[in-house]
Protein backbone atom coordinates (compact mmCIF):
# COMPACT_ATOMS: atom_id res chain seq x y z
CA MET A 1 64.67 108.54 114.81
CA SER A 2 66.51 110.83 112.38
CA PRO A 3 64.67 112.83 109.70
CA SER A 4 65.17 111.40 106.21
CA SER A 5 65.19 114.76 104.44
CA ALA A 6 66.51 118.25 105.07
CA TYR A 7 64.94 121.32 103.49
CA LEU A 8 66.65 124.44 102.18
CA LEU A 9 64.72 127.57 101.15
CA ILE A 10 66.55 129.63 98.54
CA SER A 11 65.86 133.33 98.09
CA HIS A 12 67.43 136.07 96.01
CA GLY A 13 69.16 137.81 98.90
CA SER A 14 68.95 141.39 100.13
CA HIS A 15 70.81 143.93 102.22
CA ASP A 16 67.40 144.83 103.67
CA LEU A 17 66.78 143.05 106.98
CA ARG A 18 63.04 142.62 106.37
CA PRO A 19 63.30 139.86 103.73
CA GLN A 20 65.96 138.13 105.82
CA ARG A 21 63.72 138.11 108.88
CA ALA A 22 60.77 136.93 106.80
CA MET A 23 62.84 134.01 105.50
CA GLU A 24 63.79 133.03 109.04
CA GLN A 25 60.15 133.20 110.17
CA LEU A 26 59.06 131.13 107.19
CA ALA A 27 61.72 128.50 107.86
CA GLU A 28 60.55 128.22 111.47
CA LEU A 29 56.89 127.85 110.46
CA LEU A 30 57.87 125.17 107.96
CA ARG A 31 59.90 123.32 110.58
CA ILE A 32 56.92 123.31 112.94
CA ARG A 33 54.60 122.07 110.18
CA LEU A 34 56.98 119.30 109.17
CA ALA A 35 57.44 118.28 112.79
CA SER A 36 53.69 118.09 113.25
CA GLN A 37 53.36 115.97 110.11
CA GLU A 38 56.09 113.58 111.26
CA ALA A 39 54.50 113.28 114.70
CA ARG A 40 51.13 112.37 113.18
CA ALA A 41 52.85 109.75 111.06
CA ARG A 42 54.40 108.27 114.19
CA GLN A 43 51.03 108.18 115.91
CA THR A 44 49.73 106.10 113.01
CA ILE A 45 52.66 103.71 113.34
CA SER A 46 52.68 103.72 117.16
CA PRO A 47 49.09 104.03 118.42
CA ASN A 48 50.27 104.05 122.04
CA ILE A 49 51.36 107.67 121.56
CA SER A 50 48.52 109.85 122.80
CA PRO A 51 46.98 112.14 120.16
CA GLN A 52 47.74 115.84 120.29
CA SER A 53 45.20 118.47 121.21
CA ASN A 54 43.37 120.23 118.41
CA SER A 55 44.13 123.60 119.96
CA GLY A 56 46.00 126.30 118.10
CA ASP A 57 49.18 125.37 119.98
CA SER A 58 49.17 121.74 118.83
CA ASP A 59 51.70 122.21 116.03
CA LEU A 60 54.14 123.96 118.36
CA LEU A 61 53.70 121.35 121.10
CA THR A 62 54.24 118.57 118.61
CA ALA A 63 57.33 120.25 117.21
CA ASN A 64 58.88 120.58 120.65
CA GLY A 65 57.76 117.16 121.86
CA LEU A 66 57.42 114.09 119.69
CA SER A 67 59.19 115.36 116.61
CA SER A 68 62.68 114.52 115.46
CA GLN A 69 63.13 118.22 114.76
CA PRO A 70 63.16 118.51 110.94
CA LEU A 71 66.15 120.39 109.57
CA VAL A 72 65.09 123.53 107.67
CA GLY A 73 67.57 126.15 106.51
CA THR A 74 67.81 129.21 104.31
CA ALA A 75 70.27 130.26 101.63
CA THR A 76 70.58 133.16 99.19
CA LEU A 77 71.61 133.30 95.56
CA GLU A 78 73.25 136.70 95.90
CA LEU A 79 74.66 139.03 98.57
CA ALA A 80 75.89 136.23 100.83
CA ASP A 81 79.43 135.86 102.17
CA ILE A 82 79.90 132.68 100.12
CA PRO A 83 78.39 131.46 96.82
CA LEU A 84 75.15 129.51 96.87
CA HIS A 85 76.80 126.18 96.04
CA GLU A 86 79.04 126.52 99.09
CA GLN A 87 76.01 127.35 101.25
CA ILE A 88 74.34 124.19 99.93
CA VAL A 89 77.43 122.08 100.70
CA ARG A 90 77.63 123.43 104.25
CA PHE A 91 73.96 122.71 104.83
CA ALA A 92 74.40 119.23 103.34
CA GLN A 93 77.18 118.50 105.82
CA LEU A 94 74.89 119.62 108.64
CA ALA A 95 72.09 117.47 107.23
CA LYS A 96 74.37 114.44 106.96
CA GLY A 97 75.39 114.87 110.58
CA ALA A 98 71.69 114.87 111.52
CA GLY A 99 71.19 111.57 109.72
CA CYS A 100 69.46 112.93 106.60
CA LYS A 101 69.83 111.01 103.35
CA GLU A 102 68.61 113.70 100.97
CA MET A 103 68.03 117.44 100.65
CA LYS A 104 65.10 119.22 99.06
CA LEU A 105 65.79 122.71 97.74
CA LEU A 106 62.88 125.07 97.13
CA PRO A 107 63.53 128.33 95.23
CA LEU A 108 61.37 131.07 96.75
CA PHE A 109 60.99 132.87 93.45
CA LEU A 110 57.77 133.82 91.69
CA LEU A 111 59.05 134.05 88.11
CA ARG A 112 60.60 131.58 85.70
CA GLY A 113 63.50 133.93 85.06
CA VAL A 114 67.26 133.66 84.70
CA HIS A 115 67.78 132.93 88.40
CA VAL A 116 65.32 130.03 88.45
CA MET A 117 66.12 128.52 85.07
CA GLU A 118 69.89 129.05 84.91
CA ASP A 119 71.66 130.43 87.97
CA ILE A 120 70.22 128.19 90.68
CA PRO A 121 70.44 124.90 88.69
CA TRP A 122 74.06 125.69 87.93
CA GLN A 123 74.86 126.33 91.60
CA VAL A 124 73.05 123.12 92.58
CA SER A 125 75.06 121.12 90.04
CA LEU A 126 78.28 122.52 91.49
CA ALA A 127 77.17 121.54 94.98
CA GLN A 128 76.19 118.01 93.89
CA GLU A 129 79.54 117.59 92.14
CA ASN A 130 81.29 118.59 95.36
CA LEU A 131 79.18 116.27 97.52
CA GLY A 132 79.28 113.27 95.22
CA ASN A 133 77.33 110.37 96.70
CA GLU A 134 77.30 111.83 100.21
CA MET A 135 73.92 113.51 99.75
CA VAL A 136 71.15 113.42 97.13
CA ILE A 137 69.90 116.90 96.18
CA HIS A 138 66.41 117.43 94.78
CA LEU A 139 65.79 120.85 93.25
CA LEU A 140 62.04 121.46 93.46
CA PRO A 141 59.99 123.77 91.20
CA HIS A 142 59.99 127.44 92.23
CA VAL A 143 57.08 128.49 94.42
CA GLY A 144 55.57 130.64 91.64
CA ALA A 145 54.97 127.49 89.57
CA ASN A 146 52.34 126.22 92.02
CA PRO A 147 48.81 126.71 90.59
CA ALA A 148 47.46 127.09 94.12
CA LEU A 149 49.24 130.44 94.32
CA VAL A 150 46.30 131.99 92.47
CA ARG A 151 43.99 131.17 95.38
CA LEU A 152 46.34 132.90 97.78
CA LEU A 153 46.46 135.98 95.55
CA THR A 154 42.67 135.99 95.26
CA ASN A 155 42.53 136.38 99.04
CA GLN A 156 44.96 139.27 98.76
CA TRP A 157 42.72 140.96 96.18
CA ALA A 158 39.75 140.71 98.53
CA LYS A 159 41.44 143.29 100.76
CA LEU A 160 41.63 145.87 97.96
CA GLU A 161 38.99 148.01 96.29
CA GLY A 162 39.10 148.60 92.56
CA ASP A 163 37.09 148.43 89.37
CA ALA A 164 40.34 147.53 87.58
CA LYS A 165 43.29 145.43 88.71
CA ILE A 166 47.03 145.45 88.09
CA LEU A 167 49.35 142.60 89.10
CA LEU A 168 52.74 144.27 89.53
CA SER A 169 55.69 141.90 89.18
CA HIS A 170 59.44 142.42 89.11
CA GLY A 171 59.74 141.05 85.58
CA THR A 172 62.64 139.26 83.93
CA SER A 173 64.87 139.73 80.91
CA ARG A 174 64.65 136.03 80.02
CA PRO A 175 62.63 135.48 76.81
CA GLY A 176 59.14 134.24 77.61
CA GLY A 177 59.59 135.00 81.29
CA GLN A 178 56.62 137.37 81.37
CA GLU A 179 54.18 134.70 80.19
CA GLU A 180 53.96 133.12 83.63
CA THR A 181 52.96 136.39 85.30
CA GLY A 182 50.60 137.22 82.44
CA ALA A 183 48.81 133.91 82.91
CA VAL A 184 48.42 134.52 86.65
CA ALA A 185 47.12 138.03 85.97
CA ASN A 186 44.56 136.67 83.50
CA GLN A 187 43.25 134.19 86.06
CA LEU A 188 42.82 137.04 88.52
CA GLY A 189 41.04 139.29 86.03
CA ALA A 190 43.96 141.72 86.08
CA VAL A 191 46.53 143.17 83.72
CA ALA A 192 50.23 142.63 84.33
CA ALA A 193 52.78 145.38 84.91
CA TYR A 194 56.49 145.09 85.64
CA TRP A 195 59.10 146.88 87.67
CA SER A 196 62.09 146.10 85.45
CA VAL A 197 60.59 145.63 81.95
CA GLN A 198 57.62 146.78 79.90
CA PRO A 199 54.73 147.37 80.30
CA SER A 200 55.44 149.49 83.35
CA LEU A 201 53.08 150.48 86.15
CA TRP A 202 52.93 153.99 84.72
CA GLU A 203 51.79 152.63 81.35
CA GLN A 204 49.11 150.33 82.73
CA VAL A 205 47.67 152.97 85.08
CA SER A 206 47.53 155.39 82.14
CA ILE A 207 45.74 152.86 79.91
CA LEU A 208 43.21 151.89 82.58
CA THR A 209 42.54 155.54 83.46
CA GLU A 210 41.91 156.40 79.82
CA SER A 211 39.51 153.44 79.71
CA GLY A 212 37.45 155.01 82.48
CA ALA A 213 38.70 153.25 85.62
CA LYS A 214 37.99 155.22 88.82
CA LYS A 215 39.63 152.88 91.35
CA ILE A 216 42.62 150.73 90.48
CA ALA A 217 43.73 147.93 92.80
CA ILE A 218 47.45 147.17 92.51
CA LEU A 219 48.80 143.97 93.99
CA ALA A 220 52.55 143.79 94.55
CA TYR A 221 53.50 140.36 93.21
CA PHE A 222 56.43 139.94 95.57
CA LEU A 223 56.95 137.54 98.45
CA PHE A 224 58.16 140.00 101.07
CA GLU A 225 58.47 143.70 101.75
CA GLY A 226 61.82 145.23 100.94
CA GLY A 227 63.62 147.94 99.01
CA ILE A 228 61.69 147.39 95.78
CA THR A 229 58.28 147.49 97.44
CA ASP A 230 59.33 150.73 99.16
CA ALA A 231 60.31 152.15 95.78
CA ILE A 232 56.99 151.03 94.30
CA ALA A 233 55.07 152.86 97.04
CA GLN A 234 57.08 156.01 96.33
CA MET A 235 56.46 155.70 92.59
CA LEU A 236 52.75 155.29 93.23
CA LEU A 237 52.68 158.66 94.99
CA GLU A 238 54.12 160.23 91.83
CA ILE A 239 51.64 158.38 89.61
CA GLN A 240 48.77 159.50 91.85
CA GLN A 241 49.79 163.13 91.35
CA LYS A 242 49.79 162.57 87.59
CA PHE A 243 46.33 160.95 87.68
CA PRO A 244 44.41 162.66 90.51
CA GLN A 245 41.07 161.58 89.03
CA VAL A 246 41.69 157.91 89.84
CA GLN A 247 42.13 156.25 93.24
CA LEU A 248 45.14 153.94 93.40
CA ASN A 249 45.08 151.23 96.08
CA LEU A 250 48.33 149.35 96.64
CA GLY A 251 48.23 145.96 98.34
CA LYS A 252 50.99 144.35 100.34
CA PRO A 253 53.27 141.53 99.13
CA ILE A 254 52.32 137.93 99.90
CA GLY A 255 54.19 137.89 103.21
CA VAL A 256 54.80 135.11 105.72
CA SER A 257 51.61 133.18 106.48
CA GLU A 258 50.23 129.71 107.00
CA ALA A 259 48.88 129.91 103.44
CA LEU A 260 52.41 130.36 102.10
CA VAL A 261 53.57 127.42 104.22
CA ASP A 262 50.75 125.39 102.61
CA LEU A 263 52.20 126.23 99.18
CA ILE A 264 55.67 125.20 100.27
CA MET A 265 54.35 121.93 101.67
CA ASP A 266 52.68 121.28 98.31
CA GLY A 267 56.02 121.84 96.62
CA ILE A 268 57.78 119.49 99.01
CA ARG A 269 55.21 116.76 98.45
């Protein structure tokens, strides 16, 4: 039985190998989860198939056994050898050969910026024009639009100490683009700071320090480690020298996890 849908995860793209490896790991985890879901659906339809064990290896066993091997790929908006729309077309041809009738594209972006609202939809429209009726493409909301993301971030905060909190995002030049991050920060009881626009991390640390904060927890609102998170860590060393009276605790990006796969599954559904 062929899978009905293929899934393509779209990221920004990076010369750094860490985000690339994280994308590959995430795609594999998603494939295993989808395979497990399809196998359970088959068990409902065909009760003669013996149920899988509830052990921690059950998803992997299901993926390698009963599943039709869901097709999950990755693509990048920038820094690839070919434009995104050509990557989508190539993946669509692969999906068609596997018997898929449609593709679901999930932008792995946290902000409603230019890439999410303009660049990716344009590339998708070019791909659909090229494919015609051969494949139906569904562009799903970006992962940052999922309200459940706040719960994941709350768990990240639990690992950090601080009497004040900063949610540090990349930021976007698109008008109104900061509102999404600001709303997330408010739900977390934090203030928002941005790497590329104002207010900056320097500004927010200065304001919180002047307000009497002794420990400031800073959560990097990025999916994966990479060049920017390295630069943030270096900047924090400089800020710490400027404000020695306050303890600055920097958390890690969201990273690859089952919780992130849960968010992606929500988006797919």
